[in-house]
C-alpha cells in the first residue's frame, strides 16, 4: 500500500458540507460547525488583523497550515454551494470576503506534507473548492463578479512568483496541484465571464507559461533528486505523490500545465461569447462548464460581442495569427516524427485543446507538439472575422490527406469547424477558405 493515512476528518466535514440539512436551523448549525474553523494565513501573521494589504502579504514568508485546518477550509467552500439561496443572500457580505481571503492566502501557505487524500492533493482540493464557490456565488450576486475575477488573477500572479522562489519540492507538491485545482474549477463551473476579464486572465496565464516557468516545471523531479538535500522519506513521499496523479492521467509537468492553461482560456472565452445561466447549487461534474460552452457554440451562433479597447482586439488577432504560424511549423515536425510523442508530454491532449500561441514561446511549442484549433476558432468568432488559413487547416485535418490521425485531434478539428460554420455563412466560409 502507498500509504496507511486515513482522511476520516475530511470525510466527516465533507459529509456535513454536502448535507447541511433541510431546515434553516440545520443549515446554520452546519455553517457554525465549519465556518468557525476556517483558518487564514492573516491570523497567523497579524492575529486576525484584516487591514494588511495584498502587497504586504506578498512580502511575507509562507506560513505552515496543518492538514486539519486545510480540511476545514475545503469544507467551507463545499458547504457554501450547498446552502439554500435564502441563507446565501442573507450572509453574502460575510461569505464572499471569507472566500476571497482564503484564495488570496493559498499561494503563501506551506501545506502539511501528508498523503491523507484521495484523487487530488489538499492544495488542489482547496483551490477547487474555493474558486468554485466564488464563481457560483458571484454568478447570482453580480456585485462580486469583478472581485472574484480579480482575486483569481491575483492568485495566478502570486503562484508564478512562488514558483520562481520556492523549493522544487514545494512547487511539485503544493503549487502545481494548486494550479490544477484552478483549472478544474474554471473548466467545471459555469460563469458569465466578460471579454475584458478573459484578457486580464490571459495576461496572467501568459506569465505562467513563460519559458523559464515551463522549463522549471519540467525539471522538478530532477532538481529534487540532484540539487536539493532530499532524504529517503521525502523521496518516498514524492514518488507516492506523483504516482497518484499519474494514475489519474495528470502528470504534473510543464507540458501538462500548458494544456490546462489552454483549456482554461478557451473555456473562459467561450462563456464570454455564450454566457451560461447562473447555477449556485447542485453537483458539478468535471469539465462541465467547458463542455456546455462548446455545445452552446456548436448549436447556435454566438451573439456578436462588442469589444472595447484596442488591447483586447489586438490580443485576439495576435492569438489567431501567431497560432496559425505555429501550427504550420509544428505540422512539419509531426510529419517527420517516427514514433508517437512521449506520454508525459501530453501532446495529443494539448493539441486537441488547441493553443493560444503567443502564451508559449516557440521553443516550448517544439517540445510539446502543440497546435491551434479550439481557442483559435473561438478567437475568430469573437473577432467576427473569419481567418481563411485557419479554416483551410481545419479542413486539411478532416480530409483523407490529414497528417494527424489521433482521435482527440480529429474530434477537436470537427468541433472547431462546426463552431465556425455556425457563426459564418457556410457558402461564404468555404469560398474564403479556398481562395
Protein backbone atom coordinates (compact mmCIF):
# COMPACT_ATOMS: atom_id res chain seq x y z
CA UNK A 1 0.00 0.00 0.00
CA UNK A 2 1.19 3.51 -0.80
CA UNK A 3 0.07 4.95 2.50
CA UNK A 4 -1.95 3.98 5.56
CA UNK A 5 -3.07 7.52 6.41
CA UNK A 6 -6.83 7.96 6.67
CA UNK A 7 -8.67 11.18 5.84
CA UNK A 8 -11.54 10.49 8.24
CA UNK A 9 -11.57 14.10 9.45
CA UNK A 10 -12.04 15.46 5.94
CA UNK A 11 -14.71 12.90 5.11
CA UNK A 12 -16.76 13.94 8.13
CA UNK A 13 -16.50 17.62 7.21
CA UNK A 14 -17.34 16.91 3.57
CA UNK A 15 -20.42 14.93 4.60
CA UNK A 16 -21.60 17.84 6.75
CA UNK A 17 -20.92 20.30 3.92
CA UNK A 18 -22.75 18.25 1.29
CA UNK A 19 -25.77 17.68 3.56
CA UNK A 20 -26.35 20.90 5.52
CA UNK A 21 -29.91 19.88 6.39
CA UNK A 22 -33.39 20.57 5.17
CA UNK A 23 -34.29 23.42 7.52
CA UNK A 24 -32.74 26.82 8.00
CA UNK A 25 -31.67 25.90 11.53
CA UNK A 26 -29.88 22.80 10.23
CA UNK A 27 -28.02 24.87 7.65
CA UNK A 28 -26.99 27.43 10.26
CA UNK A 29 -25.72 24.66 12.51
CA UNK A 30 -23.62 23.23 9.68
CA UNK A 31 -22.31 26.72 8.95
CA UNK A 32 -21.35 27.18 12.59
CA UNK A 33 -19.55 23.85 12.79
CA UNK A 34 -17.39 24.51 9.74
CA UNK A 35 -17.13 28.29 9.33
CA UNK A 36 -15.87 28.71 12.89
CA UNK A 37 -12.87 26.55 11.97
CA UNK A 38 -11.95 28.34 8.75
CA UNK A 39 -8.33 29.44 9.05
CA UNK A 40 -6.43 32.08 7.07
CA UNK A 41 -2.80 32.99 6.90
CA UNK A 42 -3.55 36.51 8.12
CA UNK A 43 -4.49 35.14 11.52
CA UNK A 44 -1.02 33.67 11.93
CA UNK A 45 0.74 36.81 10.76
CA UNK A 46 -1.28 39.55 12.40
CA UNK A 47 -3.55 37.89 14.93
CA UNK A 48 -6.61 38.46 12.77
CA UNK A 49 -5.78 41.95 11.51
CA UNK A 50 -7.60 42.26 8.19
CA UNK A 51 -6.11 45.63 7.28
CA UNK A 52 -2.89 44.27 5.78
CA UNK A 53 -2.83 44.70 2.01
CA UNK A 54 -2.20 42.11 -0.65
CA UNK A 55 1.14 43.76 -1.35
CA UNK A 56 2.20 43.36 2.26
CA UNK A 57 1.14 39.71 2.20
CA UNK A 58 3.24 39.01 -0.86
CA UNK A 59 6.37 40.09 1.01
CA UNK A 60 5.75 37.72 3.94
CA UNK A 61 7.12 34.18 4.14
CA UNK A 62 4.87 31.19 3.60
CA UNK A 63 3.07 30.04 6.72
CA UNK A 64 2.55 26.40 7.69
CA UNK A 65 -1.04 25.13 7.86
CA UNK A 66 -1.89 21.73 9.33
CA UNK A 67 -3.96 19.29 7.30
CA UNK A 68 -6.87 19.54 9.75
CA UNK A 69 -7.08 23.29 9.13
CA UNK A 70 -6.98 22.79 5.38
CA UNK A 71 -9.80 20.25 5.66
CA UNK A 72 -11.98 22.91 7.33
CA UNK A 73 -11.24 25.45 4.59
CA UNK A 74 -12.07 22.89 1.90
CA UNK A 75 -15.33 22.00 3.64
CA UNK A 76 -16.21 25.71 3.91
CA UNK A 77 -16.27 26.05 0.11
CA UNK A 78 -18.20 22.81 -0.24
CA UNK A 79 -20.71 23.93 2.38
CA UNK A 80 -21.47 27.29 0.79
CA UNK A 81 -22.52 25.90 -2.57
CA UNK A 82 -25.00 23.60 -0.81
CA UNK A 83 -26.61 26.40 1.20
CA UNK A 84 -30.24 27.36 0.49
CA UNK A 85 -30.32 30.51 -1.64
CA UNK A 86 -32.06 32.38 1.21
CA UNK A 87 -29.13 31.70 3.54
CA UNK A 88 -26.61 32.77 0.91
CA UNK A 89 -28.41 36.04 0.25
CA UNK A 90 -28.60 36.87 3.95
CA UNK A 91 -24.89 36.26 4.55
CA UNK A 92 -23.32 37.07 1.15
CA UNK A 93 -21.39 40.05 2.53
CA UNK A 94 -19.72 37.72 5.02
CA UNK A 95 -19.26 34.65 2.84
CA UNK A 96 -17.63 36.32 -0.15
CA UNK A 97 -14.92 38.21 1.81
CA UNK A 98 -14.11 34.97 3.65
CA UNK A 99 -13.71 33.07 0.37
CA UNK A 100 -11.60 35.87 -1.11
CA UNK A 101 -9.31 35.80 1.93
CA UNK A 102 -8.88 32.04 1.66
CA UNK A 103 -7.95 32.25 -2.04
CA UNK A 104 -5.60 35.18 -1.53
CA UNK A 105 -3.74 33.25 1.16
CA UNK A 106 -3.22 29.97 -0.69
CA UNK A 107 -0.01 30.96 -2.54
CA UNK A 108 1.55 31.83 0.82
CA UNK A 109 0.53 28.68 2.70
CA UNK A 110 3.05 25.93 3.43
CA UNK A 111 0.75 22.91 3.34
CA UNK A 112 1.22 19.91 5.59
CA UNK A 113 3.15 17.20 3.72
CA UNK A 114 0.62 14.40 4.06
CA UNK A 115 -0.97 11.74 1.89
CA UNK A 116 -4.34 11.62 3.64
CA UNK A 117 -6.30 12.45 0.49
CA UNK A 118 -7.98 10.74 -2.41
CA UNK A 119 -7.66 11.70 -6.09
CA UNK A 120 -6.23 15.19 -5.54
CA UNK A 121 -3.82 16.72 -3.00
CA UNK A 122 -5.02 19.19 -0.36
CA UNK A 123 -3.84 22.38 -2.20
CA UNK A 124 -5.64 21.10 -5.30
CA UNK A 125 -8.86 20.46 -3.39
CA UNK A 126 -8.70 23.77 -1.55
CA UNK A 127 -8.31 25.86 -4.70
CA UNK A 128 -11.06 23.90 -6.46
CA UNK A 129 -13.47 24.23 -3.53
CA UNK A 130 -12.78 27.95 -3.03
CA UNK A 131 -12.80 29.07 -6.67
CA UNK A 132 -15.91 27.00 -7.45
CA UNK A 133 -17.73 28.65 -4.55
CA UNK A 134 -16.55 32.12 -5.61
CA UNK A 135 -17.77 31.65 -9.17
CA UNK A 136 -21.10 30.12 -8.21
CA UNK A 137 -21.95 32.72 -5.58
CA UNK A 138 -20.88 35.72 -7.64
CA UNK A 139 -22.92 34.41 -10.59
CA UNK A 140 -26.12 35.14 -8.67
CA UNK A 141 -24.70 38.12 -6.72
CA UNK A 142 -23.17 40.10 -9.53
CA UNK A 143 -21.81 42.84 -7.30
CA UNK A 144 -18.96 40.44 -6.54
CA UNK A 145 -18.10 39.28 -10.08
CA UNK A 146 -15.24 41.73 -10.57
CA UNK A 147 -13.79 40.97 -7.16
CA UNK A 148 -13.90 37.25 -7.87
CA UNK A 149 -12.19 37.67 -11.25
CA UNK A 150 -9.55 39.97 -9.74
CA UNK A 151 -8.86 37.51 -6.93
CA UNK A 152 -8.26 34.72 -9.44
CA UNK A 153 -5.85 36.90 -11.41
CA UNK A 154 -4.03 37.88 -8.21
CA UNK A 155 -3.82 34.21 -7.25
CA UNK A 156 -2.17 33.37 -10.58
CA UNK A 157 0.34 36.21 -10.28
CA UNK A 158 1.39 35.12 -6.81
CA UNK A 159 1.61 31.45 -7.80
CA UNK A 160 4.01 32.40 -10.61
CA UNK A 161 6.13 34.36 -8.15
CA UNK A 162 6.17 31.48 -5.68
CA UNK A 163 7.16 29.02 -8.43
CA UNK A 164 10.20 31.16 -9.14
CA UNK A 165 11.23 31.45 -5.48
CA UNK A 166 10.12 28.25 -3.73
CA UNK A 167 11.88 24.90 -3.45
CA UNK A 168 11.29 22.28 -6.13
CA UNK A 169 9.58 20.08 -3.54
CA UNK A 170 7.07 22.81 -2.70
CA UNK A 171 6.44 23.62 -6.36
CA UNK A 172 5.79 19.97 -7.23
CA UNK A 173 3.64 19.00 -4.25
CA UNK A 174 1.86 22.29 -3.48
CA UNK A 175 1.93 24.97 -6.18
CA UNK A 176 1.45 22.79 -9.26
CA UNK A 177 -1.50 20.93 -7.68
CA UNK A 178 -2.97 24.33 -6.76
CA UNK A 179 -2.86 25.31 -10.45
CA UNK A 180 -4.57 22.05 -11.33
CA UNK A 181 -7.30 22.87 -8.82
CA UNK A 182 -7.85 26.24 -10.51
CA UNK A 183 -8.07 24.57 -13.92
CA UNK A 184 -10.62 22.06 -12.60
CA UNK A 185 -12.73 24.78 -11.01
CA UNK A 186 -12.87 27.06 -14.07
CA UNK A 187 -13.47 24.26 -16.56
CA UNK A 188 -16.18 22.74 -14.35
CA UNK A 189 -18.05 25.81 -13.03
CA UNK A 190 -20.25 27.84 -15.36
CA UNK A 191 -19.67 31.59 -15.08
CA UNK A 192 -20.62 34.54 -17.29
CA UNK A 193 -17.11 35.85 -17.95
CA UNK A 194 -16.61 39.06 -19.93
CA UNK A 195 -14.15 39.65 -22.77
CA UNK A 196 -12.27 42.12 -20.55
CA UNK A 197 -11.95 39.53 -17.79
CA UNK A 198 -10.70 36.99 -20.33
CA UNK A 199 -7.99 39.42 -21.43
CA UNK A 200 -6.89 40.04 -17.83
CA UNK A 201 -6.77 36.31 -17.15
CA UNK A 202 -4.89 35.68 -20.39
CA UNK A 203 -2.14 38.08 -19.36
CA UNK A 204 -1.63 36.21 -16.08
CA UNK A 205 -1.62 32.87 -17.89
CA UNK A 206 0.97 34.27 -20.27
CA UNK A 207 3.27 34.78 -17.28
CA UNK A 208 2.60 31.24 -16.10
CA UNK A 209 3.58 29.79 -19.48
CA UNK A 210 6.77 31.76 -19.90
CA UNK A 211 9.75 29.66 -20.95
CA UNK A 212 11.50 29.82 -17.57
CA UNK A 213 8.40 28.68 -15.66
CA UNK A 214 7.60 25.80 -18.03
CA UNK A 215 11.24 24.70 -18.02
CA UNK A 216 11.29 24.67 -14.23
CA UNK A 217 8.09 22.65 -14.01
CA UNK A 218 9.51 20.10 -16.44
CA UNK A 219 12.64 19.56 -14.33
CA UNK A 220 11.20 19.46 -10.81
CA UNK A 221 11.87 15.77 -10.18
CA UNK A 222 15.45 16.05 -11.44
CA UNK A 223 16.04 19.09 -9.25
CA UNK A 224 14.67 17.30 -6.19
CA UNK A 225 16.98 14.36 -6.85
CA UNK A 226 20.12 16.25 -7.78
CA UNK A 227 20.03 19.75 -6.34
CA UNK A 228 18.09 19.51 -3.09
CA UNK A 229 19.17 17.61 0.00
CA UNK A 230 16.37 15.05 -0.10
CA UNK A 231 16.21 12.19 2.42
CA UNK A 232 14.73 8.75 1.76
CA UNK A 233 11.40 9.51 3.47
CA UNK A 234 10.91 12.62 1.37
CA UNK A 235 11.72 10.72 -1.81
CA UNK A 236 9.16 8.06 -0.96
CA UNK A 237 6.63 10.80 -0.30
CA UNK A 238 7.38 12.42 -3.68
CA UNK A 239 7.17 9.12 -5.55
CA UNK A 240 3.82 8.25 -3.98
CA UNK A 241 2.51 11.78 -4.55
CA UNK A 242 3.43 11.87 -8.23
CA UNK A 243 2.27 8.30 -8.89
CA UNK A 244 -1.21 9.15 -7.58
CA UNK A 245 -1.55 11.99 -10.09
CA UNK A 246 -0.13 9.92 -12.94
CA UNK A 247 -2.66 7.20 -12.11
CA UNK A 248 -5.38 9.82 -12.62
CA UNK A 249 -3.88 10.70 -16.01
CA UNK A 250 -2.47 14.01 -14.79
CA UNK A 251 1.35 14.19 -14.97
CA UNK A 252 2.47 17.25 -13.01
CA UNK A 253 4.76 18.57 -15.74
CA UNK A 254 5.13 21.86 -17.55
CA UNK A 255 3.61 20.31 -20.67
CA UNK A 256 0.54 19.31 -18.70
CA UNK A 257 0.17 22.79 -17.20
CA UNK A 258 0.28 24.26 -20.73
CA UNK A 259 -2.66 22.01 -21.62
CA UNK A 260 -4.53 23.20 -18.51
CA UNK A 261 -3.87 26.81 -19.47
CA UNK A 262 -5.18 26.30 -22.99
CA UNK A 263 -8.43 24.70 -21.87
CA UNK A 264 -8.88 27.36 -19.20
CA UNK A 265 -8.53 30.13 -21.76
CA UNK A 266 -10.96 28.80 -24.33
CA UNK A 267 -13.45 27.85 -21.63
CA UNK A 268 -13.49 31.43 -20.32
CA UNK A 269 -13.65 32.98 -23.80
CA UNK A 270 -16.39 30.61 -24.95
CA UNK A 271 -18.54 31.55 -21.97
CA UNK A 272 -17.93 35.23 -22.69
CA UNK A 273 -19.39 34.62 -26.18
CA UNK A 274 -22.22 32.39 -24.97
CA UNK A 275 -22.99 33.37 -21.35
CA UNK A 276 -24.35 30.43 -19.32
CA UNK A 277 -27.18 30.51 -16.86
CA UNK A 278 -26.22 31.09 -13.24
CA UNK A 279 -26.17 27.97 -11.07
CA UNK A 280 -25.46 28.24 -7.35
CA UNK A 281 -26.44 24.73 -6.28
CA UNK A 282 -26.28 21.14 -7.45
CA UNK A 283 -23.47 18.73 -8.18
CA UNK A 284 -20.74 19.97 -10.52
CA UNK A 285 -19.12 17.42 -12.83
CA UNK A 286 -15.58 17.57 -14.19
CA UNK A 287 -15.22 19.92 -17.21
CA UNK A 288 -18.98 20.63 -17.20
CA UNK A 289 -18.57 24.34 -17.99
CA UNK A 290 -16.17 23.66 -20.86
CA UNK A 291 -18.47 21.06 -22.39
CA UNK A 292 -21.56 23.25 -22.05
CA UNK A 293 -19.77 26.21 -23.64
CA UNK A 294 -18.74 24.15 -26.66
CA UNK A 295 -22.19 22.65 -27.10
CA UNK A 296 -23.74 26.12 -26.95
CA UNK A 297 -21.42 27.47 -29.67
CA UNK A 298 -21.92 24.36 -31.82
CA UNK A 299 -25.72 24.50 -31.66
CA UNK A 300 -26.21 28.18 -32.39
CA UNK A 301 -24.16 31.15 -33.47
CA UNK A 302 -22.63 33.27 -30.74
CA UNK A 303 -24.24 36.62 -30.07
CA UNK A 304 -21.96 39.36 -31.51
CA UNK A 305 -19.91 40.83 -28.68
CA UNK A 306 -18.85 44.45 -28.56
CA UNK A 307 -15.11 44.58 -27.95
CA UNK A 308 -13.98 47.82 -26.35
CA UNK A 309 -10.32 48.72 -26.41
CA UNK A 310 -7.56 48.12 -28.93
CA UNK A 311 -5.61 45.93 -26.50
CA UNK A 312 -8.32 43.26 -26.34
CA UNK A 313 -8.79 43.34 -30.11
CA UNK A 314 -5.05 43.08 -30.61
CA UNK A 315 -4.81 40.13 -28.21
CA UNK A 316 -7.49 38.23 -30.10
CA UNK A 317 -5.93 38.95 -33.52
CA UNK A 318 -2.43 38.07 -32.39
CA UNK A 319 -3.75 34.82 -30.93
CA UNK A 320 -5.15 33.70 -34.27
CA UNK A 321 -2.29 34.93 -36.48
CA UNK A 322 0.56 33.56 -34.42
CA UNK A 323 -1.30 30.33 -33.70
CA UNK A 324 -1.64 29.62 -37.40
CA UNK A 325 2.08 30.14 -37.97
CA UNK A 326 2.94 27.85 -35.08
CA UNK A 327 0.53 25.24 -36.38
CA UNK A 328 2.19 25.23 -39.80
CA UNK A 329 5.64 24.82 -38.28
CA UNK A 330 4.52 22.06 -35.92
CA UNK A 331 2.72 20.21 -38.67
CA UNK A 332 6.04 19.82 -40.46
CA UNK A 333 7.66 18.50 -37.27
CA UNK A 334 4.87 15.96 -36.69
CA UNK A 335 5.21 14.63 -40.23
CA UNK A 336 8.90 13.99 -39.55
CA UNK A 337 8.27 12.04 -36.33
CA UNK A 338 8.97 8.31 -36.47
CA UNK A 339 7.28 7.41 -33.17
CA UNK A 340 4.40 8.57 -31.00
CA UNK A 341 5.14 11.55 -28.72
CA UNK A 342 6.03 10.52 -25.13
CA UNK A 343 3.04 10.23 -22.81
CA UNK A 344 4.40 12.73 -20.28
CA UNK A 345 4.43 15.48 -22.92
CA UNK A 346 0.60 15.36 -23.01
CA UNK A 347 0.96 16.11 -26.73
CA UNK A 348 -2.29 14.80 -28.19
CA UNK A 349 -4.38 16.17 -25.33
CA UNK A 350 -2.79 19.58 -25.72
CA UNK A 351 -3.25 19.54 -29.48
CA UNK A 352 -6.92 18.71 -29.06
CA UNK A 353 -7.42 21.65 -26.69
CA UNK A 354 -5.56 23.95 -29.09
CA UNK A 355 -3.16 26.76 -28.45
CA UNK A 356 -3.21 30.41 -27.60
CA UNK A 357 0.07 30.66 -29.41
CA UNK A 358 1.51 33.84 -28.04
CA UNK A 359 1.37 32.43 -24.49
CA UNK A 360 4.03 29.79 -25.08
CA UNK A 361 7.43 30.64 -26.62
CA UNK A 362 8.15 28.78 -29.85
CA UNK A 363 10.96 26.70 -28.34
CA UNK A 364 8.44 25.29 -25.86
CA UNK A 365 5.98 24.59 -28.68
CA UNK A 366 8.61 22.45 -30.37
CA UNK A 367 8.98 20.39 -27.21
CA UNK A 368 5.31 19.74 -26.53
CA UNK A 369 3.90 19.40 -30.07
CA UNK A 370 1.02 21.86 -29.61
CA UNK A 371 -1.28 23.16 -32.38
CA UNK A 372 -4.24 25.58 -32.53
CA UNK A 373 -7.83 24.55 -33.04
CA UNK A 374 -10.42 25.31 -30.38
CA UNK A 375 -9.06 28.57 -29.00
CA UNK A 376 -8.09 29.97 -32.38
CA UNK A 377 -11.61 29.21 -33.62
CA UNK A 378 -13.23 30.90 -30.64
CA UNK A 379 -10.98 33.95 -31.05
CA UNK A 380 -12.10 34.12 -34.69
CA UNK A 381 -15.73 34.04 -33.58
CA UNK A 382 -15.06 36.80 -31.04
CA UNK A 383 -13.41 38.96 -33.70
CA UNK A 384 -16.33 38.27 -36.09
CA UNK A 385 -13.74 37.87 -38.85
CA UNK A 386 -13.09 34.51 -40.49
CA UNK A 387 -9.44 33.57 -40.87
CA UNK A 388 -9.18 31.66 -44.15
CA UNK A 389 -5.90 29.99 -43.22
CA UNK A 390 -7.39 28.65 -40.00
CA UNK A 391 -10.36 27.17 -41.81
CA UNK A 392 -8.13 25.64 -44.50
CA UNK A 393 -6.04 23.95 -41.84
CA UNK A 394 -9.13 22.55 -40.14
CA UNK A 395 -10.36 21.19 -43.46
CA UNK A 396 -6.97 19.56 -44.01
CA UNK A 397 -7.18 17.82 -40.65
CA UNK A 398 -10.61 16.45 -41.55
CA UNK A 399 -9.62 15.26 -45.02
CA UNK A 400 -8.22 11.93 -46.20
CA UNK A 401 -4.84 13.64 -46.53
CA UNK A 402 -4.68 14.67 -42.86
CA UNK A 403 -1.15 14.26 -41.42
CA UNK A 404 -2.66 13.53 -37.97
CA UNK A 405 -4.92 10.56 -37.25
CA UNK A 406 -5.20 10.91 -33.48
CA UNK A 407 -8.84 10.75 -32.38
CA UNK A 408 -8.60 13.64 -29.92
CA UNK A 409 -7.17 15.97 -32.55
CA UNK A 410 -9.70 14.87 -35.17
CA UNK A 411 -12.61 15.45 -32.78
CA UNK A 412 -11.30 18.88 -31.83
CA UNK A 413 -10.95 19.86 -35.51
CA UNK A 414 -14.54 18.75 -36.17
CA UNK A 415 -15.89 20.73 -33.22
CA UNK A 416 -13.89 23.83 -34.15
CA UNK A 417 -15.18 23.64 -37.74
CA UNK A 418 -18.77 23.32 -36.50
CA UNK A 419 -18.42 26.45 -34.36
CA UNK A 420 -17.05 28.45 -37.31
CA UNK A 421 -19.80 27.29 -39.67
CA UNK A 422 -22.43 28.26 -37.08
CA UNK A 423 -21.04 31.78 -36.86
CA UNK A 424 -20.30 32.45 -40.53
CA UNK A 425 -22.27 31.92 -43.72
CA UNK A 426 -21.40 28.38 -44.89
CA UNK A 427 -21.06 29.18 -48.62
CA UNK A 428 -19.02 32.28 -47.96
CA UNK A 429 -16.92 30.38 -45.46
CA UNK A 430 -15.93 27.63 -47.87
CA UNK A 431 -15.23 30.11 -50.64
CA UNK A 432 -12.95 32.21 -48.44
CA UNK A 433 -11.16 29.10 -47.21
CA UNK A 434 -10.40 28.02 -50.78
CA UNK A 435 -9.23 31.41 -52.01
